[in-house]
C-alpha atoms as a PDB file:
ATOM      1  CA  UNK A   1      -0.049  -0.002  -0.041  1.00  0.00           C
ATOM      2  CA  UNK A   2       2.748   2.328   0.841  1.00  0.00           C
ATOM      3  CA  UNK A   3       6.332   1.970  -0.602  1.00  0.00           C
ATOM      4  CA  UNK A   4       9.010   4.424   0.484  1.00  0.00           C
ATOM      5  CA  UNK A   5      12.509   4.093  -1.171  1.00  0.00           C
ATOM      6  CA  UNK A   6      15.594   6.269  -0.178  1.00  0.00           C
ATOM      7  CA  UNK A   7      13.723   9.444   0.661  1.00  0.00           C
ATOM      8  CA  UNK A   8      16.262  12.268   1.390  1.00  0.00           C
ATOM      9  CA  UNK A   9      15.430  15.848   2.211  1.00  0.00           C
ATOM     10  CA  UNK A  10      17.744  18.845   2.610  1.00  0.00           C
ATOM     11  CA  UNK A  11      16.910  22.172   4.058  1.00  0.00           C
ATOM     12  CA  UNK A  12      19.696  24.260   2.530  1.00  0.00           C
ATOM     13  CA  UNK A  13      22.819  22.421   3.494  1.00  0.00           C
ATOM     14  CA  UNK A  14      21.160  20.611   6.501  1.00  0.00           C
ATOM     15  CA  UNK A  15      20.101  17.151   5.869  1.00  0.00           C
ATOM     16  CA  UNK A  16      16.803  16.386   7.648  1.00  0.00           C
ATOM     17  CA  UNK A  17      16.376  12.721   6.419  1.00  0.00           C
ATOM     18  CA  UNK A  18      18.614  10.362   4.466  1.00  0.00           C
ATOM     19  CA  UNK A  19      17.748   7.324   2.556  1.00  0.00           C
ATOM     20  CA  UNK A  20      14.470   6.631   4.425  1.00  0.00           C
ATOM     21  CA  UNK A  21      13.061   3.219   3.248  1.00  0.00           C
ATOM     22  CA  UNK A  22      10.075   1.297   4.587  1.00  0.00           C
ATOM     23  CA  UNK A  23       6.882  -0.387   3.468  1.00  0.00           C
ATOM     24  CA  UNK A  24       3.432  -0.570   4.894  1.00  0.00           C
ATOM     25  CA  UNK A  25       0.861  -3.240   4.111  1.00  0.00           C
ATOM     26  CA  UNK A  26      -2.820  -2.611   3.520  1.00  0.00           C
ATOM     27  CA  UNK A  27      -4.761  -2.334   6.718  1.00  0.00           C
ATOM     28  CA  UNK A  28      -1.683  -2.149   8.931  1.00  0.00           C
ATOM     29  CA  UNK A  29      -0.935   0.464  11.737  1.00  0.00           C
ATOM     30  CA  UNK A  30       2.694   1.457  11.393  1.00  0.00           C
ATOM     31  CA  UNK A  31       4.486   3.443  14.041  1.00  0.00           C
ATOM     32  CA  UNK A  32       7.097   5.974  13.152  1.00  0.00           C
ATOM     33  CA  UNK A  33       9.133   6.375  16.325  1.00  0.00           C
ATOM     34  CA  UNK A  34      11.987   8.698  16.974  1.00  0.00           C
ATOM     35  CA  UNK A  35      13.133  11.586  19.319  1.00  0.00           C
ATOM     36  CA  UNK A  36      12.219  15.134  18.537  1.00  0.00           C
ATOM     37  CA  UNK A  37      13.916  16.448  15.275  1.00  0.00           C
ATOM     38  CA  UNK A  38      14.670  12.930  14.156  1.00  0.00           C
ATOM     39  CA  UNK A  39      12.878  13.473  10.712  1.00  0.00           C
ATOM     40  CA  UNK A  40       9.437  12.047  11.393  1.00  0.00           C
ATOM     41  CA  UNK A  41       7.412  15.246  10.489  1.00  0.00           C
ATOM     42  CA  UNK A  42       9.531  15.741   7.379  1.00  0.00           C
ATOM     43  CA  UNK A  43       8.819  12.250   6.242  1.00  0.00           C
ATOM     44  CA  UNK A  44       5.150  12.616   6.774  1.00  0.00           C
ATOM     45  CA  UNK A  45       5.091  15.924   4.975  1.00  0.00           C
ATOM     46  CA  UNK A  46       6.672  14.342   1.950  1.00  0.00           C
ATOM     47  CA  UNK A  47       4.247  11.362   1.908  1.00  0.00           C
ATOM     48  CA  UNK A  48       1.267  13.704   2.117  1.00  0.00           C
ATOM     49  CA  UNK A  49       2.688  15.799  -0.909  1.00  0.00           C
ATOM     50  CA  UNK A  50       3.132  18.853   1.450  1.00  0.00           C
ATOM     51  CA  UNK A  51       6.691  19.131   0.266  1.00  0.00           C
ATOM     52  CA  UNK A  52       8.958  17.234  -2.219  1.00  0.00           C
ATOM     53  CA  UNK A  53      12.018  15.262  -1.286  1.00  0.00           C
ATOM     54  CA  UNK A  54      15.443  16.174  -2.456  1.00  0.00           C
ATOM     55  CA  UNK A  55      15.776  12.621  -3.786  1.00  0.00           C
ATOM     56  CA  UNK A  56      14.158   9.201  -3.539  1.00  0.00           C
ATOM     57  CA  UNK A  57      10.597   8.049  -4.375  1.00  0.00           C
ATOM     58  CA  UNK A  58       7.410   7.016  -2.599  1.00  0.00           C
ATOM     59  CA  UNK A  59       4.270   5.248  -3.954  1.00  0.00           C
ATOM     60  CA  UNK A  60       1.039   5.830  -1.938  1.00  0.00           C
ATOM     61  CA  UNK A  61      -1.651   3.424  -2.885  1.00  0.00           C
ATOM     62  CA  UNK A  62       0.163   2.833  -6.158  1.00  0.00           C
ATOM     63  CA  UNK A  63       0.360   6.631  -6.867  1.00  0.00           C
ATOM     64  CA  UNK A  64       3.657   8.401  -7.274  1.00  0.00           C
ATOM     65  CA  UNK A  65       4.061  11.404  -4.934  1.00  0.00           C
ATOM     66  CA  UNK A  66       5.828  13.398  -7.731  1.00  0.00           C
ATOM     67  CA  UNK A  67       3.754  12.605 -10.831  1.00  0.00           C
ATOM     68  CA  UNK A  68       0.367  11.847  -9.255  1.00  0.00           C
ATOM     69  CA  UNK A  69       0.265  14.104  -6.180  1.00  0.00           C
ATOM     70  CA  UNK A  70      -3.394  14.975  -6.555  1.00  0.00           C
ATOM     71  CA  UNK A  71      -4.329  11.226  -6.649  1.00  0.00           C
ATOM     72  CA  UNK A  72      -2.205  10.723  -3.514  1.00  0.00           C
ATOM     73  CA  UNK A  73      -3.984  13.600  -1.704  1.00  0.00           C
ATOM     74  CA  UNK A  74      -7.437  12.170  -2.738  1.00  0.00           C
ATOM     75  CA  UNK A  75      -6.838   8.807  -1.028  1.00  0.00           C
ATOM     76  CA  UNK A  76      -4.959  10.197   1.979  1.00  0.00           C
ATOM     77  CA  UNK A  77      -6.293  11.703   5.360  1.00  0.00           C
ATOM     78  CA  UNK A  78      -3.658  13.796   7.207  1.00  0.00           C
ATOM     79  CA  UNK A  79      -3.679  14.935  10.711  1.00  0.00           C
ATOM     80  CA  UNK A  80      -0.673  17.237  11.314  1.00  0.00           C
ATOM     81  CA  UNK A  81       0.718  17.823  14.768  1.00  0.00           C
ATOM     82  CA  UNK A  82      -1.336  21.078  14.945  1.00  0.00           C
ATOM     83  CA  UNK A  83      -4.860  20.397  13.532  1.00  0.00           C
ATOM     84  CA  UNK A  84      -5.798  22.531  10.741  1.00  0.00           C
ATOM     85  CA  UNK A  85      -8.950  23.901  12.388  1.00  0.00           C
ATOM     86  CA  UNK A  86     -11.071  27.039  11.763  1.00  0.00           C
ATOM     87  CA  UNK A  87     -11.782  28.108  15.223  1.00  0.00           C
ATOM     88  CA  UNK A  88     -14.772  30.368  14.440  1.00  0.00           C
ATOM     89  CA  UNK A  89     -16.679  27.462  12.687  1.00  0.00           C
ATOM     90  CA  UNK A  90     -18.971  25.005  14.452  1.00  0.00           C
ATOM     91  CA  UNK A  91     -17.618  21.345  14.269  1.00  0.00           C
ATOM     92  CA  UNK A  92     -20.449  20.463  11.733  1.00  0.00           C
ATOM     93  CA  UNK A  93     -19.808  23.589   9.468  1.00  0.00           C
ATOM     94  CA  UNK A  94     -16.064  22.947   9.512  1.00  0.00           C
ATOM     95  CA  UNK A  95     -16.460  19.243   8.602  1.00  0.00           C
ATOM     96  CA  UNK A  96     -19.014  20.314   5.808  1.00  0.00           C
ATOM     97  CA  UNK A  97     -16.396  22.770   4.549  1.00  0.00           C
ATOM     98  CA  UNK A  98     -13.640  20.172   4.524  1.00  0.00           C
ATOM     99  CA  UNK A  99     -15.937  17.601   2.811  1.00  0.00           C
ATOM    100  CA  UNK A 100     -16.641  20.090  -0.022  1.00  0.00           C
ATOM    101  CA  UNK A 101     -12.913  20.740  -0.489  1.00  0.00           C
ATOM    102  CA  UNK A 102     -12.239  17.013  -0.640  1.00  0.00           C
ATOM    103  CA  UNK A 103     -14.918  16.638  -3.277  1.00  0.00           C
ATOM    104  CA  UNK A 104     -17.343  14.481  -1.298  1.00  0.00           C
ATOM    105  CA  UNK A 105     -20.446  14.331  -3.565  1.00  0.00           C
ATOM    106  CA  UNK A 106     -23.484  16.518  -2.261  1.00  0.00           C
ATOM    107  CA  UNK A 107     -25.787  13.454  -1.959  1.00  0.00           C
ATOM    108  CA  UNK A 108     -23.206  11.615   0.248  1.00  0.00           C
ATOM    109  CA  UNK A 109     -21.863  14.600   2.196  1.00  0.00           C
ATOM    110  CA  UNK A 110     -24.286  14.493   5.257  1.00  0.00           C
ATOM    111  CA  UNK A 111     -23.896  10.749   5.623  1.00  0.00           C
ATOM    112  CA  UNK A 112     -20.072  10.970   5.440  1.00  0.00           C
ATOM    113  CA  UNK A 113     -19.946  13.808   8.036  1.00  0.00           C
ATOM    114  CA  UNK A 114     -22.222  11.877  10.321  1.00  0.00           C
ATOM    115  CA  UNK A 115     -20.107   8.772   9.836  1.00  0.00           C
ATOM    116  CA  UNK A 116     -16.859  10.478  10.982  1.00  0.00           C
ATOM    117  CA  UNK A 117     -18.673  12.253  13.826  1.00  0.00           C
ATOM    118  CA  UNK A 118     -19.717   8.775  15.091  1.00  0.00           C
ATOM    119  CA  UNK A 119     -16.236   7.210  14.653  1.00  0.00           C
ATOM    120  CA  UNK A 120     -14.502  10.043  16.570  1.00  0.00           C
ATOM    121  CA  UNK A 121     -17.346  10.330  19.204  1.00  0.00           C
ATOM    122  CA  UNK A 122     -17.901  14.125  18.812  1.00  0.00           C
ATOM    123  CA  UNK A 123     -21.578  14.001  18.415  1.00  0.00           C
ATOM    124  CA  UNK A 124     -22.295  15.907  21.648  1.00  0.00           C
ATOM    125  CA  UNK A 125     -20.214  18.861  20.399  1.00  0.00           C
ATOM    126  CA  UNK A 126     -21.087  18.856  16.716  1.00  0.00           C
ATOM    127  CA  UNK A 127     -22.893  22.230  16.925  1.00  0.00           C
ATOM    128  CA  UNK A 128     -20.349  24.010  19.199  1.00  0.00           C
ATOM    129  CA  UNK A 129     -17.856  26.506  18.074  1.00  0.00           C
ATOM    130  CA  UNK A 130     -14.364  24.792  17.773  1.00  0.00           C
ATOM    131  CA  UNK A 131     -12.666  27.592  19.673  1.00  0.00           C
ATOM    132  CA  UNK A 132     -14.631  26.588  22.803  1.00  0.00           C
ATOM    133  CA  UNK A 133     -13.720  22.959  22.704  1.00  0.00           C
ATOM    134  CA  UNK A 134     -11.143  21.294  24.877  1.00  0.00           C
ATOM    135  CA  UNK A 135      -7.867  20.217  23.370  1.00  0.00           C
ATOM    136  CA  UNK A 136      -9.047  16.667  23.336  1.00  0.00           C
ATOM    137  CA  UNK A 137     -12.069  17.462  21.373  1.00  0.00           C
ATOM    138  CA  UNK A 138     -10.106  19.641  18.965  1.00  0.00           C
ATOM    139  CA  UNK A 139      -7.877  16.650  18.428  1.00  0.00           C
ATOM    140  CA  UNK A 140     -10.939  14.452  17.604  1.00  0.00           C
ATOM    141  CA  UNK A 141     -12.177  17.030  15.244  1.00  0.00           C
ATOM    142  CA  UNK A 142      -8.862  17.109  13.432  1.00  0.00           C
ATOM    143  CA  UNK A 143      -9.067  13.199  13.233  1.00  0.00           C
ATOM    144  CA  UNK A 144     -12.555  13.575  11.915  1.00  0.00           C
ATOM    145  CA  UNK A 145     -11.459  15.815   9.102  1.00  0.00           C
ATOM    146  CA  UNK A 146      -8.686  13.370   8.130  1.00  0.00           C
ATOM    147  CA  UNK A 147     -11.344  10.494   7.885  1.00  0.00           C
ATOM    148  CA  UNK A 148     -13.740  12.416   5.658  1.00  0.00           C
ATOM    149  CA  UNK A 149     -14.178  10.811   2.205  1.00  0.00           C
ATOM    150  CA  UNK A 150     -13.085   7.492   3.699  1.00  0.00           C
ATOM    151  CA  UNK A 151      -9.399   7.661   2.725  1.00  0.00           C
ATOM    152  CA  UNK A 152      -7.484   4.432   2.204  1.00  0.00           C
ATOM    153  CA  UNK A 153      -4.561   5.886   4.025  1.00  0.00           C
ATOM    154  CA  UNK A 154      -4.477   7.981   7.210  1.00  0.00           C
ATOM    155  CA  UNK A 155      -1.264   9.697   8.277  1.00  0.00           C
ATOM    156  CA  UNK A 156      -1.235  11.108  11.822  1.00  0.00           C
ATOM    157  CA  UNK A 157       1.591  13.271  13.219  1.00  0.00           C
ATOM    158  CA  UNK A 158       1.935  13.204  17.047  1.00  0.00           C
ATOM    159  CA  UNK A 159      -1.872  12.805  17.457  1.00  0.00           C
ATOM    160  CA  UNK A 160      -1.900  12.745  21.325  1.00  0.00           C
ATOM    161  CA  UNK A 161       0.698  15.601  22.030  1.00  0.00           C
ATOM    162  CA  UNK A 162      -0.512  17.835  24.758  1.00  0.00           C
ATOM    163  CA  UNK A 163      -3.429  15.638  25.864  1.00  0.00           C
ATOM    164  CA  UNK A 164      -4.221  14.457  29.284  1.00  0.00           C
ATOM    165  CA  UNK A 165      -3.996  10.746  30.209  1.00  0.00           C
ATOM    166  CA  UNK A 166      -7.780  10.229  29.742  1.00  0.00           C
ATOM    167  CA  UNK A 167      -7.786  11.942  26.295  1.00  0.00           C
ATOM    168  CA  UNK A 168      -4.797   9.915  25.250  1.00  0.00           C
ATOM    169  CA  UNK A 169      -6.535   6.761  25.974  1.00  0.00           C
ATOM    170  CA  UNK A 170      -9.584   7.827  23.929  1.00  0.00           C
ATOM    171  CA  UNK A 171      -7.556   8.942  20.929  1.00  0.00           C
ATOM    172  CA  UNK A 172      -5.558   5.675  21.072  1.00  0.00           C
ATOM    173  CA  UNK A 173      -8.782   3.665  21.007  1.00  0.00           C
ATOM    174  CA  UNK A 174      -9.979   5.604  18.023  1.00  0.00           C
ATOM    175  CA  UNK A 175      -6.666   4.881  16.147  1.00  0.00           C
ATOM    176  CA  UNK A 176      -6.865   1.237  16.968  1.00  0.00           C
ATOM    177  CA  UNK A 177     -10.327   1.092  15.474  1.00  0.00           C
ATOM    178  CA  UNK A 178      -8.989   2.329  12.141  1.00  0.00           C
ATOM    179  CA  UNK A 179      -7.003  -0.843  11.642  1.00  0.00           C
ATOM    180  CA  UNK A 180      -8.121  -3.052   8.818  1.00  0.00           C
ATOM    181  CA  UNK A 181     -10.420  -0.408   7.145  1.00  0.00           C
ATOM    182  CA  UNK A 182      -7.480   2.098   6.801  1.00  0.00           C
ATOM    183  CA  UNK A 183      -3.816   1.908   6.429  1.00  0.00           C
ATOM    184  CA  UNK A 184      -2.402   4.036   9.046  1.00  0.00           C
ATOM    185  CA  UNK A 185       1.093   5.698   9.726  1.00  0.00           C
ATOM    186  CA  UNK A 186       1.368   7.099  13.274  1.00  0.00           C
ATOM    187  CA  UNK A 187       4.293   9.119  14.297  1.00  0.00           C
ATOM    188  CA  UNK A 188       5.223   9.745  17.986  1.00  0.00           C
ATOM    189  CA  UNK A 189       8.160  10.182  20.270  1.00  0.00           C
ATOM    190  CA  UNK A 190       6.067   8.731  23.120  1.00  0.00           C
ATOM    191  CA  UNK A 191       7.113   5.146  23.373  1.00  0.00           C
ATOM    192  CA  UNK A 192       4.030   3.615  25.128  1.00  0.00           C
ATOM    193  CA  UNK A 193       1.917   5.272  22.389  1.00  0.00           C
ATOM    194  CA  UNK A 194       3.573   3.277  19.653  1.00  0.00           C
ATOM    195  CA  UNK A 195       3.771   0.054  21.685  1.00  0.00           C
ATOM    196  CA  UNK A 196      -0.020   0.015  22.461  1.00  0.00           C
ATOM    197  CA  UNK A 197      -1.199   1.109  19.112  1.00  0.00           C
ATOM    198  CA  UNK A 198       0.990  -0.125  16.329  1.00  0.00           C
ATOM    199  CA  UNK A 199       1.599  -3.547  14.892  1.00  0.00           C
ATOM    200  CA  UNK A 200       5.008  -2.580  13.373  1.00  0.00           C
ATOM    201  CA  UNK A 201       7.578  -0.029  14.248  1.00  0.00           C
ATOM    202  CA  UNK A 202      10.079   2.110  12.064  1.00  0.00           C
ATOM    203  CA  UNK A 203      12.617   3.749  14.397  1.00  0.00           C
ATOM    204  CA  UNK A 204      14.217   6.866  13.028  1.00  0.00           C
ATOM    205  CA  UNK A 205      17.202   8.545  14.548  1.00  0.00           C
ATOM    206  CA  UNK A 206      19.018  11.566  13.137  1.00  0.00           C
ATOM    207  CA  UNK A 207      17.117  11.313   9.929  1.00  0.00           C
ATOM    208  CA  UNK A 208      18.013   7.615   9.264  1.00  0.00           C
ATOM    209  CA  UNK A 209      15.957   4.353   9.781  1.00  0.00           C
ATOM    210  CA  UNK A 210      17.826   2.313  12.415  1.00  0.00           C
ATOM    211  CA  UNK A 211      15.351  -0.470  12.898  1.00  0.00           C
ATOM    212  CA  UNK A 212      12.002  -1.742  11.277  1.00  0.00           C
ATOM    213  CA  UNK A 213      10.095  -4.670  12.581  1.00  0.00           C
ATOM    214  CA  UNK A 214       7.372  -5.738  15.166  1.00  0.00           C
ATOM    215  CA  UNK A 215       8.059  -4.743  18.779  1.00  0.00           C
ATOM    216  CA  UNK A 216       8.236  -8.463  19.703  1.00  0.00           C
ATOM    217  CA  UNK A 217      10.795  -9.234  16.921  1.00  0.00           C
ATOM    218  CA  UNK A 218      12.943  -6.281  17.766  1.00  0.00           C
ATOM    219  CA  UNK A 219      13.005  -7.494  21.339  1.00  0.00           C
ATOM    220  CA  UNK A 220      13.994 -11.024  20.253  1.00  0.00           C
ATOM    221  CA  UNK A 221      16.753  -9.686  18.028  1.00  0.00           C
ATOM    222  CA  UNK A 222      18.178  -7.337  20.672  1.00  0.00           C
ATOM    223  CA  UNK A 223      17.934  -9.234  23.823  1.00  0.00           C
ATOM    224  CA  UNK A 224      20.435 -12.019  23.028  1.00  0.00           C
ATOM    225  CA  UNK A 225      20.113 -13.442  26.508  1.00  0.00           C
ATOM    226  CA  UNK A 226      18.308 -13.131  29.874  1.00  0.00           C
ATOM    227  CA  UNK A 227      17.634 -10.230  32.134  1.00  0.00           C
ATOM    228  CA  UNK A 228      16.968 -11.062  35.792  1.00  0.00           C
ATOM    229  CA  UNK A 229      15.968  -8.718  38.591  1.00  0.00           C
ATOM    230  CA  UNK A 230      16.480  -9.581  42.294  1.00  0.00           C
ATOM    231  CA  UNK A 231      15.655  -7.755  45.439  1.00  0.00           C
ATOM    232  CA  UNK A 232      17.943  -8.732  48.414  1.00  0.00           C
ATOM    233  CA  UNK A 233      18.362  -7.617  51.921  1.00  0.00           C
ATOM    234  CA  UNK A 234      21.966  -7.694  53.064  1.00  0.00           C
ATOM    235  CA  UNK A 235      25.503  -6.389  52.274  1.00  0.00           C
ATOM    236  CA  UNK A 236      26.218  -5.474  48.677  1.00  0.00           C
ATOM    237  CA  UNK A 237      29.939  -6.624  49.070  1.00  0.00           C
ATOM    238  CA  UNK A 238      28.753 -10.040  50.247  1.00  0.00           C
ATOM    239  CA  UNK A 239      26.491 -10.351  47.118  1.00  0.00           C
ATOM    240  CA  UNK A 240      29.179  -9.333  44.676  1.00  0.00           C
ATOM    241  CA  UNK A 241      31.554 -11.778  46.187  1.00  0.00           C
ATOM    242  CA  UNK A 242      28.968 -14.539  45.997  1.00  0.00           C
ATOM    243  CA  UNK A 243      28.490 -14.255  42.198  1.00  0.00           C
ATOM    244  CA  UNK A 244      31.901 -13.031  41.045  1.00  0.00           C
ATOM    245  CA  UNK A 245      32.857 -16.415  39.524  1.00  0.00           C
ATOM    246  CA  UNK A 246      29.739 -16.940  37.362  1.00  0.00           C
ATOM    247  CA  UNK A 247      31.177 -16.376  33.872  1.00  0.00           C
ATOM    248  CA  UNK A 248      27.858 -16.206  32.088  1.00  0.00           C
ATOM    249  CA  UNK A 249      26.979 -12.871  33.703  1.00  0.00           C
ATOM    250  CA  UNK A 250      27.675 -10.258  31.145  1.00  0.00           C
ATOM    251  CA  UNK A 251      26.552  -7.230  33.183  1.00  0.00           C
ATOM    252  CA  UNK A 252      25.248  -6.397  36.638  1.00  0.00           C
ATOM    253  CA  UNK A 253      23.873  -3.338  38.199  1.00  0.00           C
ATOM    254  CA  UNK A 254      23.252  -2.992  41.974  1.00  0.00           C
ATOM    255  CA  UNK A 255      21.386  -0.204  43.802  1.00  0.00           C
ATOM    256  CA  UNK A 256      21.289  -0.014  47.553  1.00  0.00           C
ATOM    257  CA  UNK A 257      18.446   1.952  49.277  1.00  0.00           C
ATOM    258  CA  UNK A 258      18.444   3.433  52.729  1.00  0.00           C
ATOM    259  CA  UNK A 259      16.859   0.460  54.243  1.00  0.00           C
ATOM    260  CA  UNK A 260      19.598  -1.915  53.066  1.00  0.00           C
ATOM    261  CA  UNK A 261      17.635  -3.476  50.264  1.00  0.00           C
ATOM    262  CA  UNK A 262      19.556  -4.183  47.126  1.00  0.00           C
ATOM    263  CA  UNK A 263      17.884  -3.962  43.769  1.00  0.00           C
ATOM    264  CA  UNK A 264      19.970  -6.112  41.473  1.00  0.00           C
ATOM    265  CA  UNK A 265      19.798  -6.322  37.522  1.00  0.00           C
ATOM    266  CA  UNK A 266      21.649  -9.160  35.977  1.00  0.00           C
ATOM    267  CA  UNK A 267      22.258  -9.773  32.245  1.00  0.00           C
ATOM    268  CA  UNK A 268      23.456 -13.168  31.250  1.00  0.00           C
ATOM    269  CA  UNK A 269      23.690 -15.632  28.430  1.00  0.00           C
ATOM    270  CA  UNK A 270      21.463 -18.157  30.222  1.00  0.00           C
ATOM    271  CA  UNK A 271      18.669 -18.375  32.777  1.00  0.00           C
ATOM    272  CA  UNK A 272      20.578 -18.035  36.179  1.00  0.00           C
ATOM    273  CA  UNK A 273      17.515 -17.690  38.417  1.00  0.00           C
ATOM    274  CA  UNK A 274      17.860 -20.847  40.251  1.00  0.00           C
ATOM    275  CA  UNK A 275      21.689 -20.312  40.748  1.00  0.00           C
ATOM    276  CA  UNK A 276      21.297 -16.724  41.841  1.00  0.00           C
ATOM    277  CA  UNK A 277      18.671 -17.749  44.417  1.00  0.00           C
ATOM    278  CA  UNK A 278      20.798 -20.509  45.734  1.00  0.00           C
ATOM    279  CA  UNK A 279      23.834 -18.204  46.206  1.00  0.00           C
ATOM    280  CA  UNK A 280      21.876 -15.458  47.914  1.00  0.00           C
ATOM    281  CA  UNK A 281      20.482 -17.926  50.407  1.00  0.00           C
ATOM    282  CA  UNK A 282      23.861 -19.556  50.987  1.00  0.00           C
ATOM    283  CA  UNK A 283      25.516 -16.385  51.747  1.00  0.00           C
ATOM    284  CA  UNK A 284      23.002 -15.253  54.230  1.00  0.00           C
ATOM    285  CA  UNK A 285      21.139 -12.732  52.112  1.00  0.00           C
ATOM    286  CA  UNK A 286      17.370 -12.451  52.301  1.00  0.00           C
ATOM    287  CA  UNK A 287      15.815 -13.003  48.867  1.00  0.00           C
ATOM    288  CA  UNK A 288      12.773 -10.752  48.663  1.00  0.00           C
ATOM    289  CA  UNK A 289      12.046 -10.979  45.020  1.00  0.00           C
ATOM    290  CA  UNK A 290      13.223 -12.669  41.857  1.00  0.00           C
ATOM    291  CA  UNK A 291      11.885 -12.216  38.410  1.00  0.00           C
ATOM    292  CA  UNK A 292      12.827 -12.370  34.732  1.00  0.00           C
ATOM    293  CA  UNK A 293      12.857  -9.071  32.924  1.00  0.00           C
ATOM    294  CA  UNK A 294      11.845  -8.513  29.310  1.00  0.00           C
ATOM    295  CA  UNK A 295      13.037  -5.790  26.815  1.00  0.00           C
ATOM    296  CA  UNK A 296      10.532  -3.034  26.314  1.00  0.00           C
ATOM    297  CA  UNK A 297      10.221  -0.766  23.296  1.00  0.00           C
ATOM    298  CA  UNK A 298      11.928   1.915  25.417  1.00  0.00           C
ATOM    299  CA  UNK A 299      15.000  -0.474  25.871  1.00  0.00           C
ATOM    300  CA  UNK A 300      15.019  -1.102  22.181  1.00  0.00           C
ATOM    301  CA  UNK A 301      14.740   2.641  21.325  1.00  0.00           C
ATOM    302  CA  UNK A 302      17.528   3.623  23.695  1.00  0.00           C
ATOM    303  CA  UNK A 303      19.689   0.782  22.533  1.00  0.00           C
ATOM    304  CA  UNK A 304      19.444   1.699  18.951  1.00  0.00           C
ATOM    305  CA  UNK A 305      19.758   5.494  19.270  1.00  0.00           C
ATOM    306  CA  UNK A 306      22.627   5.237  21.735  1.00  0.00           C
ATOM    307  CA  UNK A 307      24.365   2.923  19.318  1.00  0.00           C
ATOM    308  CA  UNK A 308      23.817   5.346  16.466  1.00  0.00           C
ATOM    309  CA  UNK A 309      25.146   8.312  18.493  1.00  0.00           C
ATOM    310  CA  UNK A 310      28.185   6.356  19.524  1.00  0.00           C
ATOM    311  CA  UNK A 311      28.889   5.274  15.926  1.00  0.00           C
END
């Protein structure tokens, strides 16, 4: 559905993105993840024909962003980071205005507006002036305009920025409900947002793609072993002495709180839970907790971006 090949964009002499390449299947929700100024917004603006790339190509629903930009716009709904709202309009009048611009036929316009109002759950404010709405409702109205004319592809740039936790949950659920009926690209620098909403992730750092896969596959590729957490009560030096001869431990971090409780994180090539528990007890340490940890999307992100910076 979306094929992006070697997109590069310069602003003067500054390179914003370089050789961005990824693909999105029909009905998939893809997360574009990266820190601020990583190149996410530039990529989205290129895909929505807001600006051209310096080089590279992209096909959106089979249409070339250079040669068939009007066709791309026709099948794409776009929600930029700051929704393009007319504050003096009522919600209904604004959506009617956008529907006319998008070429929704007159005999289908009312039905289409009602449909996006239902999808985004803004029926209770449809006749209110947009300027008087909360930020959460304004974001919903922005999403509603993106969904007008039932676009095949929906591109959302930081759709939950500035929202409170309740509003974030509501917008997240709306995005999840788009899966299957629409192909969605969602950009964010908020890790839980991507993890809970998207099926696959493209991680961008300093204008380059540093990883592309499902969160689960990224975890499997990067973990390469076991991570174990222990909570112990006792002396840190005793603990370090107890495990110093375990060669399979690749890294260990120990934090000691004011009450003498040690929080230990161990990375190893094998599952050492039984051995670590045995050594703690044998050396007179109280074992309060023992668990296996898993890599999160945050771990993956930090690992990849730190690796890139070091390189």
